[in-house]
């Protein structure tokens, strides 16, 4: 039951993430200054991330153990990628929030600061989209929305394409900062 709640939580997080990314990237690319929707979605993301992390820990570790990664090769790649990207997201979440707060406040970046912001923002977005790409079909399986491996592969393929396109949009917006 915890895994199903976690899958629902990950779907909520996905919707918050996509909304946040669009409400932040579009004003940057078009020269707009209205980030109010972005801030509301960011608050939802932080709350949902905390719940998601707790549910991941509670649902995974008590049953399988921390170091038991030798069960299925395909699951191992997904699992390791999920964990590493999740940790990178958690590490870069505060710097990301701080940069966005500065942008919303009207700050501009130049020189080394701009390069550092660009690199950390691209790493953060890359980790978020990678995490979404490897996790999305799994959440659909958990909720019983996919019935076979063929459907899982199709969802994986479509998710990778969408996340790749969104990553390009995000990089373009970050370069414009």
Protein backbone atom coordinates (compact mmCIF):
# COMPACT_ATOMS: atom_id res chain seq x y z
CA UNK A 1 0.00 0.00 0.00
CA UNK A 2 2.90 2.38 0.75
CA UNK A 3 4.27 1.79 -2.76
CA UNK A 4 0.94 2.86 -4.27
CA UNK A 5 0.87 6.01 -2.16
CA UNK A 6 4.44 6.69 -3.24
CA UNK A 7 3.46 6.20 -6.90
CA UNK A 8 0.63 8.71 -6.47
CA UNK A 9 3.06 11.07 -4.74
CA UNK A 10 5.51 10.72 -7.64
CA UNK A 11 2.74 11.56 -10.12
CA UNK A 12 1.88 14.68 -8.10
CA UNK A 13 5.55 15.56 -8.06
CA UNK A 14 5.74 15.08 -11.83
CA UNK A 15 2.83 17.44 -12.39
CA UNK A 16 4.31 20.03 -10.01
CA UNK A 17 7.72 19.69 -11.70
CA UNK A 18 6.36 20.13 -15.22
CA UNK A 19 4.22 23.08 -14.18
CA UNK A 20 7.12 24.67 -12.32
CA UNK A 21 9.51 24.15 -15.21
CA UNK A 22 7.08 25.69 -17.69
CA UNK A 23 6.10 28.62 -15.47
CA UNK A 24 9.79 29.42 -14.91
CA UNK A 25 11.17 28.76 -18.40
CA UNK A 26 8.52 30.55 -20.46
CA UNK A 27 8.93 33.95 -18.72
CA UNK A 28 12.71 33.66 -19.00
CA UNK A 29 12.51 32.87 -22.72
CA UNK A 30 9.89 35.53 -23.47
CA UNK A 31 11.26 38.25 -21.21
CA UNK A 32 8.29 38.17 -18.85
CA UNK A 33 8.54 38.89 -15.15
CA UNK A 34 5.56 37.08 -13.59
CA UNK A 35 6.87 34.22 -11.47
CA UNK A 36 3.97 33.98 -8.98
CA UNK A 37 2.73 30.62 -10.32
CA UNK A 38 6.29 29.34 -10.25
CA UNK A 39 6.62 30.13 -6.55
CA UNK A 40 3.33 28.41 -5.67
CA UNK A 41 4.36 25.27 -7.56
CA UNK A 42 7.80 25.34 -5.93
CA UNK A 43 6.19 25.14 -2.49
CA UNK A 44 4.16 22.14 -3.63
CA UNK A 45 7.30 20.50 -4.98
CA UNK A 46 9.24 20.88 -1.74
CA UNK A 47 6.40 19.42 0.35
CA UNK A 48 5.87 16.56 -2.10
CA UNK A 49 9.61 15.80 -2.32
CA UNK A 50 9.79 15.42 1.45
CA UNK A 51 6.82 13.04 1.47
CA UNK A 52 8.26 11.13 -1.52
CA UNK A 53 11.65 10.67 0.16
CA UNK A 54 10.06 9.37 3.37
CA UNK A 55 7.78 6.98 1.44
CA UNK A 56 10.74 5.72 -0.64
CA UNK A 57 12.74 4.95 2.47
CA UNK A 58 9.81 3.32 4.27
CA UNK A 59 8.71 1.23 1.28
CA UNK A 60 12.08 0.07 0.02
CA UNK A 61 14.65 -0.43 2.74
CA UNK A 62 12.81 -2.47 5.40
CA UNK A 63 11.95 -5.23 2.92
CA UNK A 64 15.04 -5.48 0.74
CA UNK A 65 17.93 -4.16 2.76
CA UNK A 66 20.24 -1.33 1.84
CA UNK A 67 22.86 -3.37 -0.03
CA UNK A 68 20.73 -6.03 -1.77
CA UNK A 69 21.11 -4.87 -5.40
CA UNK A 70 21.77 -8.28 -7.00
CA UNK A 71 18.23 -9.35 -7.83
CA UNK A 72 17.47 -8.23 -11.39
CA UNK A 73 19.91 -6.57 -13.73
CA UNK A 74 17.35 -4.24 -15.35
CA UNK A 75 15.89 -3.28 -11.98
CA UNK A 76 19.40 -2.65 -10.69
CA UNK A 77 20.15 -0.07 -13.38
CA UNK A 78 16.85 1.68 -12.75
CA UNK A 79 17.22 1.46 -9.00
CA UNK A 80 20.78 2.76 -8.94
CA UNK A 81 19.88 5.56 -11.39
CA UNK A 82 16.84 6.48 -9.29
CA UNK A 83 18.87 6.61 -6.09
CA UNK A 84 21.79 8.59 -7.54
CA UNK A 85 19.56 11.08 -9.36
CA UNK A 86 17.40 11.43 -6.24
CA UNK A 87 20.44 12.19 -4.10
CA UNK A 88 21.71 14.74 -6.67
CA UNK A 89 18.27 16.39 -6.67
CA UNK A 90 18.28 16.62 -2.87
CA UNK A 91 21.82 18.04 -2.83
CA UNK A 92 21.05 20.68 -5.48
CA UNK A 93 17.53 21.56 -4.28
CA UNK A 94 18.60 24.34 -1.91
CA UNK A 95 21.02 26.02 -4.39
CA UNK A 96 18.28 25.79 -7.04
CA UNK A 97 15.73 27.42 -4.74
CA UNK A 98 18.23 30.12 -3.79
CA UNK A 99 19.04 30.95 -7.43
CA UNK A 100 15.38 31.13 -8.36
CA UNK A 101 14.70 33.38 -5.37
CA UNK A 102 17.48 35.71 -6.57
CA UNK A 103 16.10 35.70 -10.13
CA UNK A 104 12.60 36.50 -8.91
CA UNK A 105 14.09 39.30 -6.79
CA UNK A 106 15.62 40.80 -9.95
CA UNK A 107 19.24 39.74 -9.52
CA UNK A 108 21.43 39.25 -12.57
CA UNK A 109 24.51 37.07 -12.89
CA UNK A 110 27.71 37.63 -14.81
CA UNK A 111 31.11 36.03 -15.26
CA UNK A 112 31.95 33.11 -13.00
CA UNK A 113 28.71 33.40 -11.03
CA UNK A 114 26.68 33.03 -14.23
CA UNK A 115 28.70 29.97 -15.25
CA UNK A 116 28.27 28.37 -11.80
CA UNK A 117 24.53 29.05 -11.85
CA UNK A 118 24.29 27.62 -15.37
CA UNK A 119 26.16 24.43 -14.45
CA UNK A 120 24.26 23.79 -11.20
CA UNK A 121 20.88 24.54 -12.80
CA UNK A 122 21.58 22.21 -15.74
CA UNK A 123 22.77 19.47 -13.35
CA UNK A 124 19.65 19.93 -11.22
CA UNK A 125 17.28 19.84 -14.20
CA UNK A 126 19.17 16.89 -15.71
CA UNK A 127 18.92 14.92 -12.48
CA UNK A 128 15.20 15.72 -12.18
CA UNK A 129 14.41 14.69 -15.76
CA UNK A 130 16.62 11.58 -15.50
CA UNK A 131 14.84 10.58 -12.29
CA UNK A 132 11.47 11.11 -13.96
CA UNK A 133 12.55 9.14 -17.05
CA UNK A 134 13.58 6.03 -15.12
CA UNK A 135 10.72 6.21 -12.60
CA UNK A 136 7.61 7.08 -14.58
CA UNK A 137 6.78 3.66 -16.05
CA UNK A 138 7.50 2.03 -12.69
CA UNK A 139 4.91 4.21 -11.02
CA UNK A 140 2.44 3.24 -13.73
CA UNK A 141 3.19 -0.44 -13.11
CA UNK A 142 2.72 0.03 -9.37
CA UNK A 143 -0.68 1.61 -9.95
CA UNK A 144 -1.69 -1.17 -12.35
CA UNK A 145 -1.89 1.11 -15.39
CA UNK A 146 0.52 -0.97 -17.50
CA UNK A 147 -0.15 -4.62 -18.19
CA UNK A 148 2.94 -5.88 -20.03
CA UNK A 149 6.61 -5.23 -20.87
CA UNK A 150 5.77 -3.88 -24.31
CA UNK A 151 3.65 -1.11 -22.83
CA UNK A 152 6.37 -0.37 -20.28
CA UNK A 153 8.96 0.02 -23.04
CA UNK A 154 6.64 2.29 -25.01
CA UNK A 155 6.02 4.50 -21.96
CA UNK A 156 9.77 4.56 -21.26
CA UNK A 157 10.48 5.61 -24.85
CA UNK A 158 7.86 8.39 -24.86
CA UNK A 159 8.98 9.59 -21.41
CA UNK A 160 12.62 9.79 -22.53
CA UNK A 161 11.62 11.83 -25.60
CA UNK A 162 9.42 14.24 -23.60
CA UNK A 163 12.04 14.67 -20.87
CA UNK A 164 14.73 15.23 -23.48
CA UNK A 165 12.69 17.98 -25.15
CA UNK A 166 11.91 19.56 -21.79
CA UNK A 167 15.60 19.44 -20.91
CA UNK A 168 16.42 21.33 -24.12
CA UNK A 169 13.81 23.98 -23.19
CA UNK A 170 15.25 24.20 -19.69
CA UNK A 171 18.83 24.58 -20.94
CA UNK A 172 17.73 27.30 -23.38
CA UNK A 173 16.00 29.17 -20.53
CA UNK A 174 19.02 28.83 -18.25
CA UNK A 175 21.38 30.11 -20.93
CA UNK A 176 19.18 33.20 -21.28
CA UNK A 177 19.53 34.03 -17.55
